[in-house]
Protein backbone atom coordinates (compact mmCIF):
# COMPACT_ATOMS: atom_id res chain seq x y z
CA MET A 1 -83.69 -128.20 111.83
CA ASN A 2 -86.18 -129.46 114.41
CA ALA A 3 -87.56 -127.43 117.30
CA PHE A 4 -85.02 -128.80 119.76
CA THR A 5 -81.75 -128.47 117.88
CA THR A 6 -79.42 -126.28 119.92
CA ILE A 7 -78.15 -123.34 117.86
CA PRO A 8 -75.34 -120.96 118.79
CA ALA A 9 -76.15 -117.78 120.67
CA ALA A 10 -75.67 -114.55 118.73
CA SER A 11 -72.43 -113.75 120.56
CA GLY A 12 -71.11 -117.31 120.55
CA THR A 13 -71.87 -117.56 124.28
CA LYS A 14 -74.45 -120.21 125.08
CA LEU A 15 -76.48 -120.02 128.29
CA ALA A 16 -77.07 -123.12 130.37
CA LEU A 17 -80.58 -124.33 129.58
CA ALA A 18 -81.19 -124.97 133.27
CA TYR A 19 -82.02 -121.60 134.86
CA PRO A 20 -80.02 -121.38 138.10
CA PHE A 21 -83.00 -120.63 140.36
CA ARG A 22 -84.88 -123.75 141.46
CA PHE A 23 -88.59 -122.97 141.32
CA ALA A 24 -89.44 -126.47 142.52
CA ALA A 25 -88.20 -125.41 145.98
CA THR A 26 -90.94 -122.76 146.25
CA GLU A 27 -93.57 -123.48 143.58
CA ASP A 28 -95.23 -126.58 142.10
CA PHE A 29 -97.42 -124.67 139.59
CA SER A 30 -100.50 -126.65 140.62
CA ASP A 31 -102.71 -123.68 141.56
CA TYR A 32 -103.08 -122.30 138.05
CA ARG A 33 -105.71 -122.84 135.40
CA ARG A 34 -104.26 -123.61 131.96
CA ASP A 35 -105.76 -122.34 128.73
CA GLU A 36 -106.23 -124.56 125.67
CA THR A 37 -102.54 -124.21 124.75
CA GLY A 38 -101.29 -124.99 128.26
CA VAL A 39 -100.41 -121.42 129.27
CA PRO A 40 -101.16 -120.86 132.99
CA THR A 41 -103.49 -118.16 134.27
CA VAL A 42 -103.62 -116.73 137.80
CA TYR A 43 -106.75 -116.06 139.86
CA TYR A 44 -106.83 -112.63 141.54
CA ALA A 45 -109.44 -112.39 144.27
CA HIS A 46 -109.79 -108.61 144.05
CA LEU A 47 -110.49 -108.95 140.31
CA GLN A 48 -112.55 -112.12 140.70
CA ARG A 49 -111.15 -113.50 137.45
CA TRP A 50 -108.29 -115.47 135.94
CA VAL A 51 -105.52 -113.38 134.38
CA TYR A 52 -102.45 -114.05 132.24
CA ASN A 53 -99.40 -113.06 134.28
CA PRO A 54 -96.12 -112.92 132.31
CA ILE A 55 -94.14 -113.60 135.49
CA THR A 56 -95.94 -116.89 136.13
CA ILE A 57 -95.69 -117.81 132.45
CA SER A 58 -91.93 -117.14 132.40
CA GLN A 59 -91.35 -119.07 135.62
CA PHE A 60 -93.33 -122.04 134.34
CA GLY A 61 -91.34 -122.00 131.10
CA LEU A 62 -88.02 -121.81 132.95
CA HIS A 63 -89.08 -124.69 135.19
CA GLN A 64 -89.95 -126.79 132.13
CA LEU A 65 -86.56 -126.03 130.54
CA PHE A 66 -84.91 -127.21 133.74
CA ARG A 67 -86.84 -130.46 133.47
CA PHE A 68 -85.87 -130.86 129.82
CA ASP A 69 -82.21 -130.21 130.59
CA ARG A 70 -82.08 -132.62 133.54
CA GLU A 71 -84.56 -135.30 132.49
CA GLY A 72 -84.57 -135.08 128.68
CA ASP A 73 -88.38 -134.79 128.66
CA VAL A 74 -89.24 -133.41 125.20
CA ARG A 75 -92.77 -132.60 126.37
CA ALA A 76 -91.25 -130.19 128.89
CA ALA A 77 -89.31 -128.49 126.08
CA LEU A 78 -92.52 -128.15 124.07
CA GLN A 79 -94.22 -126.52 127.05
CA ALA A 80 -91.30 -124.13 127.49
CA GLN A 81 -91.50 -123.19 123.81
CA THR A 82 -95.23 -122.53 124.17
CA MET A 83 -94.48 -120.13 127.03
CA ALA A 84 -91.77 -118.39 124.98
CA ASP A 85 -94.16 -118.06 122.04
CA TRP A 86 -96.77 -116.47 124.30
CA LEU A 87 -94.20 -113.94 125.55
CA ALA A 88 -92.99 -113.09 122.05
CA GLU A 89 -96.53 -112.67 120.77
CA ASN A 90 -97.80 -110.63 123.73
CA GLN A 91 -94.96 -108.16 124.11
CA GLU A 92 -96.14 -104.59 123.48
CA GLU A 93 -94.38 -101.37 122.59
CA TRP A 94 -94.66 -99.71 125.99
CA ARG A 95 -92.66 -96.59 125.16
CA PRO A 96 -90.79 -95.78 121.93
CA GLY A 97 -88.23 -98.57 121.55
CA ILE A 98 -89.19 -100.33 124.82
CA GLY A 99 -90.91 -103.69 124.53
CA ALA A 100 -92.73 -104.84 127.65
CA TRP A 101 -95.31 -107.20 129.08
CA VAL A 102 -98.03 -104.89 130.31
CA PHE A 103 -100.18 -105.56 133.40
CA ARG A 104 -103.72 -104.31 132.88
CA PHE A 105 -105.08 -104.47 136.41
CA ASP A 106 -104.56 -102.42 139.56
CA LEU A 107 -102.61 -103.69 142.56
CA LEU A 108 -104.09 -103.20 146.02
CA PHE A 109 -100.99 -102.75 148.16
CA TYR A 110 -98.40 -100.82 146.18
CA GLY A 111 -101.00 -99.01 144.17
CA PRO A 112 -99.77 -99.07 140.58
CA ARG A 113 -102.76 -98.29 138.41
CA GLN A 114 -103.08 -100.06 135.12
CA PRO A 115 -101.32 -100.18 132.80
CA TRP A 116 -97.91 -100.88 134.35
CA ILE A 117 -94.80 -102.98 133.76
CA SER A 118 -92.49 -104.91 136.06
CA ALA A 119 -88.73 -105.41 136.16
CA LEU A 120 -89.38 -108.93 137.44
CA ALA A 121 -91.46 -109.73 134.36
CA GLN A 122 -88.90 -108.15 132.03
CA GLY A 123 -85.97 -110.03 133.57
CA GLN A 124 -87.55 -113.47 133.77
CA ALA A 125 -88.99 -113.19 130.27
CA ILE A 126 -85.52 -112.37 128.94
CA SER A 127 -84.08 -115.37 130.79
CA LEU A 128 -86.64 -117.71 129.22
CA LEU A 129 -86.60 -116.23 125.72
CA LEU A 130 -82.82 -116.37 125.39
CA ARG A 131 -82.78 -120.02 126.43
CA ALA A 132 -85.65 -120.80 124.08
CA ALA A 133 -83.71 -119.09 121.28
CA GLN A 134 -81.03 -121.75 121.71
CA LEU A 135 -83.61 -124.47 121.03
CA ALA A 136 -85.71 -122.98 118.25
CA ASN A 137 -84.57 -121.74 114.87
CA THR A 138 -86.31 -118.37 115.15
CA ALA A 139 -85.15 -114.79 115.59
CA LYS A 140 -88.30 -113.54 117.29
CA TYR A 141 -87.13 -114.48 120.79
CA GLU A 142 -83.88 -112.53 120.49
CA GLU A 143 -85.70 -109.55 118.98
CA ALA A 144 -88.14 -109.49 121.90
CA CYS A 145 -85.22 -109.50 124.34
CA ARG A 146 -83.50 -106.60 122.59
CA ARG A 147 -86.66 -104.56 123.02
CA ALA A 148 -87.27 -105.73 126.60
CA VAL A 149 -83.82 -104.90 127.96
CA ARG A 150 -84.27 -101.22 127.11
CA ALA A 151 -86.56 -100.87 130.13
CA PHE A 152 -83.47 -101.43 132.31
CA HIS A 153 -81.85 -98.33 130.82
CA HIS A 154 -84.72 -95.94 131.62
CA SER A 155 -86.09 -94.58 134.87
CA VAL A 156 -89.61 -95.27 136.08
CA ALA A 157 -90.46 -91.66 135.21
CA GLU A 158 -89.32 -92.32 131.63
CA GLY A 159 -91.39 -95.50 131.33
CA GLY A 160 -88.61 -97.87 132.37
CA VAL A 161 -88.10 -99.83 135.58
CA VAL A 162 -85.11 -98.08 137.19
CA GLN A 163 -85.39 -96.52 140.64
CA HIS A 164 -82.53 -95.75 143.01
CA PHE A 165 -81.33 -96.49 146.50
CA PRO A 166 -80.79 -93.39 148.66
CA ASP A 167 -77.14 -93.33 147.55
CA GLY A 168 -78.15 -93.19 143.88
CA SER A 169 -77.40 -96.83 143.01
CA PRO A 170 -79.82 -98.37 140.49
CA VAL A 171 -82.64 -100.68 141.56
CA PHE A 172 -84.99 -102.47 139.19
CA GLU A 173 -88.56 -102.02 140.38
CA GLU A 174 -90.93 -104.97 140.45
CA TYR A 175 -93.72 -102.44 141.03
CA PRO A 176 -92.73 -99.13 139.39
CA THR A 177 -94.74 -96.57 141.32
CA VAL A 178 -94.09 -92.92 142.13
CA GLU A 179 -93.15 -93.85 145.69
CA PRO A 180 -90.25 -96.34 145.47
CA SER A 181 -90.87 -99.79 146.93
CA LEU A 182 -87.53 -101.44 145.99
CA VAL A 183 -88.72 -105.05 146.32
CA LEU A 184 -85.61 -107.16 146.82
CA ASN A 185 -86.50 -110.40 145.04
CA GLY A 186 -87.80 -108.51 142.01
CA HIS A 187 -84.53 -106.60 141.73
CA LEU A 188 -82.42 -109.75 142.08
CA PHE A 189 -84.41 -111.72 139.49
CA ALA A 190 -84.17 -108.75 137.12
CA MET A 191 -80.41 -108.71 137.62
CA LEU A 192 -80.28 -112.36 136.55
CA GLY A 193 -82.12 -111.47 133.36
CA LEU A 194 -79.75 -108.59 132.70
CA HIS A 195 -76.75 -110.86 133.29
CA ASP A 196 -78.18 -113.45 130.89
CA TYR A 197 -78.59 -110.72 128.26
CA ALA A 198 -75.05 -109.41 128.75
CA GLU A 199 -73.59 -112.92 128.48
CA TYR A 200 -75.70 -114.04 125.52
CA PHE A 201 -75.16 -110.97 123.35
CA GLY A 202 -71.79 -109.89 124.74
CA ASP A 203 -73.41 -106.53 125.42
CA PRO A 204 -71.06 -104.07 127.20
CA ALA A 205 -73.84 -101.68 128.27
CA ALA A 206 -75.77 -104.50 129.97
CA ALA A 207 -72.57 -105.78 131.60
CA ALA A 208 -71.72 -102.30 132.90
CA LEU A 209 -75.23 -101.86 134.32
CA PHE A 210 -75.02 -105.26 136.01
CA ALA A 211 -71.73 -104.18 137.62
CA GLN A 212 -73.39 -100.98 138.87
CA CYS A 213 -76.16 -103.07 140.41
CA LEU A 214 -73.62 -105.29 142.17
CA ALA A 215 -71.92 -102.22 143.65
CA GLY A 216 -75.33 -100.92 144.70
CA LEU A 217 -76.13 -104.19 146.46
CA LYS A 218 -72.83 -104.09 148.31
CA ALA A 219 -73.61 -100.62 149.62
CA ASN A 220 -77.32 -101.13 150.35
CA LEU A 221 -78.13 -104.79 151.02
CA ALA A 222 -77.90 -104.16 154.77
CA ARG A 223 -81.01 -101.96 154.47
CA TYR A 224 -83.07 -105.15 154.11
CA ASP A 225 -81.48 -106.78 157.19
CA THR A 226 -83.23 -106.34 160.55
CA GLY A 227 -80.56 -108.22 162.49
CA TYR A 228 -82.88 -111.21 162.88
CA TRP A 229 -84.88 -111.33 159.60
CA ASN A 230 -85.40 -109.62 156.19
CA HIS A 231 -87.59 -106.86 154.90
CA TYR A 232 -89.45 -107.74 151.71
CA ASP A 233 -88.83 -104.26 150.33
CA LEU A 234 -87.87 -100.74 151.39
CA HIS A 235 -91.39 -99.37 151.20
CA ARG A 236 -92.35 -97.11 154.10
CA SER A 237 -94.71 -99.85 155.35
CA ALA A 238 -91.54 -101.67 156.55
CA ARG A 239 -92.91 -105.19 156.19
CA LEU A 240 -91.06 -108.28 157.33
CA THR A 241 -90.95 -110.86 154.57
CA SER A 242 -92.17 -114.42 154.90
CA ALA A 243 -89.85 -117.36 155.55
CA ASP A 244 -90.41 -118.48 151.96
CA TYR A 245 -89.12 -115.17 150.67
CA VAL A 246 -86.09 -115.30 152.95
CA ARG A 247 -85.33 -118.64 151.27
CA ILE A 248 -85.80 -117.01 147.87
CA HIS A 249 -83.45 -114.17 148.87
CA VAL A 250 -80.85 -116.68 150.07
CA GLN A 251 -81.02 -118.71 146.87
CA LEU A 252 -80.79 -115.60 144.66
CA LEU A 253 -77.85 -114.15 146.59
CA ASN A 254 -75.96 -117.43 146.31
CA ILE A 255 -76.63 -117.54 142.56
CA LEU A 256 -75.42 -113.98 142.08
CA ALA A 257 -72.37 -114.72 144.23
CA GLY A 258 -71.51 -117.61 141.94
CA LEU A 259 -71.96 -115.50 138.81
CA SER A 260 -70.05 -112.47 140.07
CA GLY A 261 -67.50 -113.88 142.51
CA GLU A 262 -68.63 -111.28 145.08
CA ALA A 263 -68.06 -112.81 148.52
CA PHE A 264 -70.34 -110.34 150.32
CA LEU A 265 -73.36 -111.86 148.58
CA ALA A 266 -72.55 -115.37 149.82
CA GLU A 267 -71.77 -114.03 153.30
CA THR A 268 -75.13 -112.25 153.45
CA ALA A 269 -76.92 -115.37 152.23
CA GLN A 270 -75.24 -117.42 154.96
CA ARG A 271 -76.27 -114.90 157.63
CA TRP A 272 -79.86 -114.83 156.42
CA GLN A 273 -79.99 -118.62 156.32
CA GLY A 274 -78.89 -118.45 159.95
CA TYR A 275 -81.98 -116.38 160.74
CA LEU A 276 -84.16 -119.13 159.25
CA ASP A 277 -82.36 -121.78 161.28
CA SER A 278 -82.56 -119.88 164.58
CA PRO A 279 -85.60 -120.58 166.83
CA TRP A 280 -85.04 -117.19 168.50
CA CYS A 281 -85.12 -115.36 165.16
CA ARG A 282 -88.22 -117.23 164.03
CA ALA A 283 -90.01 -116.42 167.29
CA ARG A 284 -89.10 -112.76 166.98
CA PHE A 285 -90.35 -112.78 163.38
CA TRP A 286 -93.76 -114.17 164.36
CA ALA A 287 -94.13 -111.66 167.17
CA GLY A 288 -93.17 -108.89 164.77
CA LYS A 289 -95.75 -110.02 162.19
CA VAL A 290 -98.57 -109.79 164.73
CA VAL A 291 -97.62 -106.20 165.55
CA GLU A 292 -97.09 -105.44 161.87
CA LYS A 293 -100.59 -106.54 160.82
CA VAL A 294 -102.17 -104.26 163.41
CA ARG A 295 -99.92 -101.37 162.39
CA LEU A 296 -100.65 -101.80 158.69
CA ARG A 297 -104.37 -102.02 159.30
CA LEU A 298 -104.33 -98.84 161.40
CA ASN A 299 -102.40 -97.07 158.67
CA ASN A 300 -104.81 -98.26 155.97
CA TYR A 301 -102.22 -100.35 154.15
CA LEU A 302 -104.39 -103.46 154.28
CA PRO A 303 -107.90 -103.78 152.85
CA PRO A 304 -110.63 -105.11 155.15
CA PRO A 305 -110.85 -108.92 155.29
CA ARG A 306 -112.98 -110.49 152.57
CA ALA A 307 -114.24 -114.03 152.11
CA LEU A 308 -113.42 -114.55 148.45
CA ARG A 309 -112.66 -118.11 147.46
CA GLN A 310 -110.78 -119.10 144.37
CA PRO A 311 -113.31 -120.77 142.06
CA GLU A 312 -112.96 -124.46 141.33
């Protein structure tokens, strides 16, 4: 069997090779330095070095699978398999039974100190590995996913990625810190990974948790809505998100609406797209960002400006 022969999923349910989120709308992957195998690295100014980021690696792999599915480019499939191999080989046992991709650097804004894990990384890695498992005759991708999904069943305090909305509904934390941040796009991407896992393996526990997350979104999605724009998260810094992230939110909500049949997700996406299309909303956003930057600086949320260029 060659590397690109589609094999049945473990449950008999095959995922579409093309991941539903279109990274090409927000990312062209041109700002990354590739290692000798083609795996991208990310430059972090506060570290002054290039770092492997499992989120970027997963997104690049998913983008390449989309290209392979739509264009039949075998080179894209090879690149996707290289990304999946990196993920399988670099997963660590984070807590007993929990496999994770561990970040070994501090973050300036949210403050997680190394080492830490991310629901966004867990979810997108699962989405790539399960699709790669349908192309390669190897069990290691599925095994990595079985270990990775366990983080979605444990709280942040227990070494997992689960926090909660004020009403107790589960949220998957992109940045699992003591003080909840509840980043919206990270939670939504993680939900896609959980849904992929539930579909691929026919896993009732994953399906039940996905349903809980849908109910939680229905009860709490309005918390991110300012009436003219979105919040990026529910951190006490109360930041307005960028227009690019509003577009990401809209795309993710529409995807989840299609998967779940929940009309409120599509209705919210339509309303938020209306904010992007409204000159009045955009003007209010820009005015709000000016005030926000001053407020965050006064409250010591932002580091002082630095002139650090990305090296050539």
